[in-house]
Protein backbone atom coordinates (compact mmCIF):
# COMPACT_ATOMS: atom_id res chain seq x y z
CA MET A 1 -28.93 -32.57 0.83
CA PRO A 2 -25.37 -31.37 1.78
CA GLY A 3 -24.51 -35.30 2.99
CA VAL A 4 -25.67 -36.71 -0.37
CA ASP A 5 -23.85 -33.82 -2.42
CA GLY A 6 -20.55 -34.76 -0.53
CA ALA A 7 -20.59 -38.54 -1.73
CA PHE A 8 -20.66 -37.58 -5.20
CA GLY A 9 -17.84 -35.10 -4.97
CA GLY A 10 -13.97 -35.31 -4.23
CA GLU A 11 -12.40 -38.38 -2.92
CA HIS A 12 -14.61 -41.17 -1.33
CA ARG A 13 -12.91 -41.35 2.09
CA ASN A 14 -15.08 -44.14 3.51
CA GLY A 15 -17.30 -47.16 2.83
CA LEU A 16 -20.68 -45.28 3.62
CA GLN A 17 -20.14 -42.77 0.87
CA TRP A 18 -19.45 -45.33 -1.77
CA ARG A 19 -22.46 -47.20 -0.60
CA VAL A 20 -24.51 -43.80 -0.70
CA LYS A 21 -23.27 -43.20 -4.26
CA ALA A 22 -23.66 -46.88 -5.36
CA ALA A 23 -27.19 -46.71 -3.97
CA THR A 24 -28.04 -43.48 -5.92
CA ASN A 25 -26.95 -45.09 -9.21
CA CYS A 26 -30.00 -47.53 -8.54
CA PHE A 27 -32.48 -45.19 -7.02
CA PRO A 28 -31.69 -41.78 -7.96
CA LEU A 29 -32.85 -39.45 -5.11
CA THR A 30 -33.35 -36.36 -7.67
CA ARG A 31 -33.93 -35.82 -11.25
CA ASP A 32 -32.88 -32.92 -13.50
CA PHE A 33 -36.16 -32.72 -16.20
CA SER A 34 -34.12 -30.15 -17.89
CA GLN A 35 -32.03 -33.35 -19.19
CA PRO A 36 -33.19 -35.61 -22.00
CA THR A 37 -34.82 -38.59 -20.90
CA ARG A 38 -34.10 -41.87 -21.64
CA ASP A 39 -36.66 -42.35 -24.71
CA SER A 40 -34.76 -39.01 -26.12
CA TYR A 41 -32.06 -41.76 -26.99
CA SER A 42 -34.31 -44.55 -28.10
CA GLY A 43 -33.43 -43.70 -31.80
CA LEU A 44 -29.72 -43.49 -31.47
CA ALA A 45 -27.72 -46.31 -31.99
CA PRO A 46 -25.76 -47.30 -29.05
CA ARG A 47 -22.30 -45.88 -29.89
CA ASP A 48 -24.06 -42.76 -30.35
CA ARG A 49 -25.57 -42.47 -26.83
CA PRO A 50 -24.00 -40.98 -23.68
CA ARG A 51 -21.82 -43.28 -21.71
CA SER A 52 -24.25 -43.02 -18.71
CA GLU A 53 -27.01 -44.31 -20.88
CA ARG A 54 -24.82 -46.97 -22.28
CA THR A 55 -24.11 -48.32 -18.87
CA ALA A 56 -27.52 -47.74 -17.26
CA GLY A 57 -28.81 -50.97 -18.51
CA VAL A 58 -25.88 -53.06 -16.63
CA ARG A 59 -26.29 -50.87 -13.50
CA ARG A 60 -29.94 -51.75 -13.36
CA ALA A 61 -29.31 -55.31 -13.82
CA LEU A 62 -26.78 -55.34 -10.90
CA CYS A 63 -28.97 -53.50 -8.62
CA GLU A 64 -32.09 -55.88 -9.42
CA VAL A 65 -30.14 -59.09 -8.51
CA GLY A 66 -28.86 -57.60 -5.35
CA SER A 67 -25.11 -57.38 -6.34
CA PRO A 68 -23.12 -56.36 -3.31
CA ILE A 69 -21.91 -52.89 -2.91
CA ARG A 70 -18.31 -53.07 -1.68
CA THR A 71 -16.04 -50.39 -0.98
CA PRO A 72 -12.48 -50.24 -2.71
CA GLU A 73 -10.77 -51.97 0.08
CA GLU A 74 -13.33 -54.65 0.21
CA ARG A 75 -12.86 -55.15 -3.60
CA ALA A 76 -9.05 -55.38 -3.17
CA PRO A 77 -7.21 -58.48 -3.36
CA SER A 78 -7.04 -60.04 0.21
CA SER A 79 -3.74 -59.13 1.72
CA GLY A 80 -4.48 -61.65 4.36
CA VAL A 81 -2.45 -64.78 5.17
CA ASN A 82 -0.60 -65.81 1.95
CA GLY A 83 -2.79 -63.51 0.19
CA ARG A 84 -5.60 -66.26 -0.45
CA GLY A 85 -8.33 -65.19 1.63
CA SER A 86 -10.19 -66.84 4.29
CA GLY A 87 -9.50 -70.56 3.64
CA THR A 88 -5.80 -70.41 4.16
CA SER A 89 -3.27 -71.58 6.63
CA LEU A 90 -2.34 -69.73 9.83
CA LEU A 91 1.23 -71.19 9.51
CA PRO A 92 3.91 -68.61 9.61
CA LYS A 93 4.76 -67.23 5.92
CA GLU A 94 8.59 -66.84 6.57
CA HIS A 95 9.71 -70.30 5.17
CA GLY A 96 13.03 -69.54 5.92
CA ALA A 97 12.57 -69.31 9.34
CA TYR A 98 11.35 -72.90 9.72
CA GLY A 99 14.83 -74.04 8.90
CA GLN A 100 16.47 -71.46 11.19
CA ILE A 101 14.28 -72.72 14.40
CA SER A 102 14.27 -76.31 13.63
CA VAL A 103 17.89 -77.13 12.48
CA PRO A 104 19.72 -75.78 15.37
CA LEU A 105 17.41 -77.68 17.91
CA ILE A 106 17.79 -81.20 16.02
CA THR A 107 21.43 -80.44 16.05
CA ALA A 108 21.63 -79.90 19.87
CA PHE A 109 19.82 -82.98 20.35
CA LEU A 110 21.76 -84.93 18.30
CA ALA A 111 24.97 -83.61 19.51
CA ALA A 112 24.42 -83.11 23.22
CA GLY A 113 21.32 -85.82 23.90
CA VAL A 114 17.79 -85.35 24.63
CA SER A 115 16.39 -84.33 27.88
CA THR A 116 12.85 -83.11 29.28
CA THR A 117 14.22 -79.74 29.85
CA GLY A 118 15.50 -79.48 26.28
CA LEU A 119 12.03 -80.88 24.88
CA LEU A 120 10.39 -78.23 26.78
CA ILE A 121 12.37 -75.63 25.68
CA ALA A 122 12.06 -76.46 22.23
CA THR A 123 8.29 -76.97 22.50
CA ALA A 124 8.14 -73.23 23.95
CA MET A 125 10.15 -71.86 21.14
CA LEU A 126 8.04 -73.60 18.62
CA ALA A 127 4.80 -72.40 20.06
CA GLY A 128 5.89 -68.82 20.10
CA PHE A 129 6.93 -69.35 16.50
CA LEU A 130 3.53 -70.64 15.59
CA ALA A 131 1.75 -67.67 17.50
CA HIS A 132 3.39 -65.13 15.13
CA GLU A 133 0.89 -65.26 12.38
CA PRO A 134 -2.34 -65.14 13.96
CA ALA A 135 -1.21 -62.50 16.33
CA PHE A 136 -0.41 -60.59 13.26
CA VAL A 137 -3.74 -61.26 11.85
CA LEU A 138 -5.45 -60.12 15.01
CA ILE A 139 -3.63 -56.96 15.03
CA GLY A 140 -4.34 -55.80 11.72
CA ALA A 141 -0.72 -56.41 10.22
CA ARG A 142 -1.90 -58.70 7.49
CA GLY A 143 -4.60 -55.90 6.30
CA ALA A 144 -8.20 -55.40 6.96
CA ARG A 145 -9.76 -58.33 5.20
CA ALA A 146 -7.54 -60.94 6.76
CA LYS A 147 -8.26 -59.62 10.09
CA ARG A 148 -12.21 -59.96 9.28
CA ASP A 149 -12.17 -63.32 7.57
CA LEU A 150 -9.63 -65.13 9.79
CA ARG A 151 -10.49 -63.55 13.22
CA GLN A 152 -12.27 -66.66 14.86
CA ARG A 153 -9.57 -69.00 13.70
CA ALA A 154 -6.85 -66.78 14.45
CA ILE A 155 -8.11 -66.61 18.00
CA ARG A 156 -8.25 -70.26 18.36
CA TRP A 157 -5.06 -70.76 17.13
CA LEU A 158 -3.30 -68.24 19.19
CA GLY A 159 -5.12 -69.28 22.15
CA CYS A 160 -3.83 -72.82 21.71
CA THR A 161 -0.28 -71.94 21.02
CA LEU A 162 0.08 -69.52 23.70
CA ALA A 163 -1.36 -72.02 26.23
CA VAL A 164 1.20 -74.60 25.00
CA GLY A 165 4.04 -72.11 25.08
CA ILE A 166 3.13 -70.87 28.70
CA ALA A 167 2.67 -74.59 29.88
CA ALA A 168 6.17 -75.40 28.15
CA ALA A 169 7.86 -72.48 29.88
CA ALA A 170 6.55 -73.20 33.28
CA GLY A 171 7.92 -76.74 32.55
CA VAL A 172 11.01 -75.54 31.91
CA GLY A 173 11.13 -73.16 34.94
CA LEU A 174 10.52 -76.01 37.18
CA THR A 175 12.92 -78.89 35.46
CA ILE A 176 15.98 -76.80 34.60
CA ASP A 177 18.92 -76.84 36.85
CA THR A 178 19.14 -73.63 38.83
CA ALA A 179 22.74 -73.29 37.75
CA LEU A 180 21.71 -73.40 34.06
CA ARG A 181 18.85 -70.77 34.37
CA TRP A 182 21.31 -68.12 32.85
CA ALA A 183 21.54 -70.07 29.71
CA LEU A 184 17.83 -69.33 28.78
CA LEU A 185 18.76 -65.59 28.60
CA VAL A 186 20.86 -66.40 25.34
CA PRO A 187 17.77 -67.04 23.23
CA ILE A 188 15.27 -64.88 25.44
CA ALA A 189 17.23 -61.58 24.92
CA PRO A 190 17.16 -61.48 21.42
CA ALA A 191 13.59 -63.00 21.11
CA PHE A 192 12.52 -59.90 23.61
CA LEU A 193 14.15 -57.43 21.18
CA LEU A 194 12.43 -59.02 18.24
CA ALA A 195 8.89 -58.84 19.96
CA ILE A 196 9.49 -55.22 20.73
CA LEU A 197 10.31 -54.50 16.76
CA ALA A 198 7.35 -56.71 15.56
CA ALA A 199 5.01 -54.44 18.07
CA ARG A 200 6.44 -51.51 16.15
CA GLY A 201 5.88 -53.14 12.75
CA ARG A 202 9.78 -53.35 12.06
CA GLU A 203 10.38 -57.24 12.33
CA LYS A 204 11.22 -57.20 8.51
CA THR A 205 13.87 -54.69 9.10
CA TRP A 206 17.62 -56.14 9.44
CA PRO A 207 17.84 -55.60 13.30
CA GLY A 208 14.51 -57.69 13.46
CA GLU A 209 15.65 -60.72 11.21
CA VAL A 210 19.09 -60.51 12.99
CA ALA A 211 17.50 -60.58 16.38
CA ALA A 212 15.27 -63.84 15.03
CA ALA A 213 18.27 -65.56 13.74
CA LEU A 214 20.05 -65.01 16.85
CA ALA A 215 17.15 -66.22 19.03
CA PHE A 216 16.78 -69.60 17.03
CA SER A 217 20.21 -70.49 17.15
CA GLY A 218 20.64 -69.43 20.85
CA ALA A 219 18.06 -71.65 21.70
CA ALA A 220 20.72 -74.63 21.06
CA VAL A 221 22.56 -73.17 24.22
CA PRO A 222 20.29 -74.06 27.02
CA VAL A 223 18.84 -77.28 25.28
CA SER A 224 22.34 -78.56 25.12
CA LEU A 225 23.48 -77.67 28.76
CA SER A 226 20.22 -79.17 29.89
CA ALA A 227 21.01 -82.51 28.31
CA GLY A 228 24.35 -82.53 30.42
CA ALA A 229 26.75 -81.40 27.94
CA SER A 230 29.93 -79.21 28.48
CA LEU A 231 29.63 -75.32 27.84
CA ALA A 232 31.96 -75.88 25.11
CA THR A 233 29.56 -78.34 23.33
CA ALA A 234 26.70 -75.93 23.37
CA VAL A 235 28.86 -73.20 22.05
CA ALA A 236 29.89 -75.25 19.30
CA VAL A 237 26.49 -75.95 18.33
CA ALA A 238 25.30 -72.21 18.74
CA ILE A 239 27.96 -70.41 17.14
CA PRO A 240 27.99 -71.74 13.65
CA PHE A 241 24.50 -71.41 13.06
CA ALA A 242 24.61 -67.87 14.63
CA LEU A 243 27.14 -66.86 12.19
CA LEU A 244 25.40 -68.43 9.14
CA PHE A 245 21.88 -67.31 9.78
CA VAL A 246 23.07 -63.59 10.41
CA ALA A 247 25.43 -63.51 7.49
CA SER A 248 23.09 -65.29 5.01
CA THR A 249 20.16 -62.88 6.19
CA LEU A 250 22.06 -59.79 5.40
CA ALA A 251 23.19 -61.26 2.12
CA VAL A 252 19.53 -62.15 0.90
CA ARG A 253 18.74 -58.49 1.88
CA VAL A 254 21.21 -57.29 -0.57
CA VAL A 255 19.52 -59.36 -3.25
CA ILE A 256 16.13 -57.98 -2.54
CA LEU A 257 17.21 -54.33 -2.01
CA GLN A 258 18.68 -54.03 -5.39
CA VAL A 259 15.40 -54.49 -6.89
CA ARG A 260 12.74 -53.70 -4.40
CA GLY A 261 11.00 -50.21 -5.11
CA GLY A 262 12.98 -49.69 -8.05
CA GLY A 263 15.96 -50.49 -6.22
CA ASP A 264 18.24 -48.77 -3.30
CA ARG A 265 21.68 -48.98 -4.47
CA GLN A 266 23.04 -46.97 -1.20
CA ALA A 267 21.21 -49.23 0.99
CA ALA A 268 22.08 -52.48 -0.96
CA MET A 269 25.98 -51.24 -0.80
CA ALA A 270 25.56 -50.66 2.92
CA THR A 271 24.00 -54.19 3.70
CA ARG A 272 26.64 -55.86 1.33
CA ARG A 273 29.46 -54.59 3.57
CA ALA A 274 27.77 -55.53 6.73
CA ALA A 275 27.28 -59.05 5.51
CA LEU A 276 30.79 -59.39 4.09
CA SER A 277 32.09 -57.74 7.55
CA VAL A 278 30.21 -60.40 9.40
CA ALA A 279 31.32 -63.30 7.20
CA ALA A 280 35.17 -61.96 7.38
CA GLY A 281 35.04 -60.86 11.14
CA GLY A 282 33.34 -64.12 12.06
CA GLY A 283 36.03 -66.31 10.39
CA ALA A 284 38.72 -64.31 11.80
CA THR A 285 37.47 -64.22 15.30
CA LEU A 286 36.96 -68.03 15.19
CA ALA A 287 40.33 -68.58 13.74
CA LEU A 288 42.13 -66.44 16.60
CA SER A 289 40.05 -68.11 19.26
CA ALA A 290 40.83 -71.46 17.82
CA ALA A 291 44.75 -70.55 17.93
CA ALA A 292 44.33 -69.20 21.47
CA GLY A 293 42.71 -72.36 22.80
CA LEU A 294 39.27 -70.57 23.62
CA LEU A 295 37.43 -72.58 21.03
CA ALA A 296 37.79 -75.92 19.32
CA THR A 297 38.85 -75.93 15.84
CA SER A 298 35.90 -77.77 14.84
CA VAL A 299 33.82 -74.78 15.32
CA LEU A 300 35.77 -72.86 12.45
CA VAL A 301 35.35 -75.83 10.36
CA ALA A 302 31.67 -76.13 11.20
CA ALA A 303 31.12 -72.22 10.41
CA ALA A 304 33.09 -71.87 7.38
CA PRO A 305 30.69 -73.16 4.49
CA GLY A 306 27.94 -71.16 5.40
CA LEU A 307 30.10 -67.83 6.03
CA LEU A 308 31.82 -68.65 2.45
CA ILE A 309 28.45 -69.29 0.82
CA ALA A 310 26.98 -66.19 2.31
CA ALA A 311 29.91 -63.95 1.58
CA ALA A 312 29.78 -65.22 -2.29
CA ILE A 313 26.19 -64.04 -2.29
CA ALA A 314 26.90 -60.94 -0.76
CA ALA A 315 29.56 -60.16 -3.09
CA GLN A 316 27.83 -61.35 -6.42
CA PRO A 317 24.14 -61.09 -5.56
CA PRO A 318 22.09 -63.39 -8.05
CA SER A 319 18.80 -62.25 -9.91
CA PRO A 320 15.94 -62.15 -7.62
CA THR A 321 14.45 -64.72 -10.01
CA HIS A 322 16.78 -67.34 -8.29
CA LEU A 323 15.70 -66.70 -4.90
CA ARG A 324 14.07 -70.20 -4.70
CA ALA A 325 17.58 -71.67 -5.62
CA LEU A 326 19.17 -69.18 -3.32
CA GLY A 327 16.71 -70.65 -0.60
CA TRP A 328 17.59 -74.17 -0.95
CA THR A 329 21.29 -73.38 -1.28
CA LEU A 330 21.16 -71.82 2.26
CA VAL A 331 19.03 -75.06 3.42
CA ALA A 332 22.01 -77.38 2.35
CA ALA A 333 24.40 -74.98 4.09
CA SER A 334 22.57 -75.49 7.17
CA VAL A 335 22.48 -79.35 6.55
CA VAL A 336 26.18 -79.28 5.93
CA THR A 337 26.72 -77.11 9.26
CA ALA A 338 24.60 -79.51 11.18
CA ALA A 339 26.47 -82.58 9.81
CA ILE A 340 29.93 -80.97 10.74
CA VAL A 341 28.67 -80.28 14.23
CA VAL A 342 27.42 -83.51 14.97
CA ALA A 343 30.33 -85.47 13.81
CA THR A 344 32.86 -83.35 15.82
CA ALA A 345 30.81 -83.00 18.93
């Protein structure tokens, strides 16, 4: 029986082979009568018996009660949403992104005003953000077990978010001023790049995270303009958040690269240089633009706290055990930036 023999030797490459092996533990297909029977060991102490005989009772008990025979993948901890199995939420796991998408939108509403088109833009952005996790579950990016356990919920969640997002996007197309449609490209262009990277499984790379930061901050431009604000006001809202999110994203990656997989010193150094370049270059560009009268000085003032914090993190990365405190520090920087933008709008 070559098929059965293959299930016992070498590497067990699929679930069927594991089940055949487990089944034969309960009901052997063949028996070698040249080997001693179980009765031959009846006079020996348990510790003197072969290991197969010592564990035979356990195997028989499991078979008798119908213990499920699972493959190694099925026995492994769930890699599903939040790593907790089928009873978990399908909300995005990237907690830092909640602040990146919400703070610029709220700031734009406070600084420029609220409009129907602006609310529709915000709704479409939020719907797309909430569709991310169920989509990843359905394509198997969160693991086979998550795809199996969460499939029905993910389909419903994805259907609802896509329906809301499409309806909101259609509303934007109908209500936005024709002269302002170009502004929609500001968040759409990086969002399109992010979608391509996500389809290739590279949304967690630095280009993917930078694209997300630019898309979230860029949404402030069409939201502000649709409320009747000037281009200067829209730019004054978007630019400080764009610089803060990009610089802080790179700075946090420095912390992670120093320890992930034993640490990658070369990659950490390259990312540190990139973060410091964004912080220094962004600050210098804003200063020169303000001096030339191209931007209001308030844009530099609003961007300064976030750039300084990101530069400090990149220059002296804290221990990964302090990532939670680091996250709250960046949230505080976002709030400070928002307060300055609203106060100077």
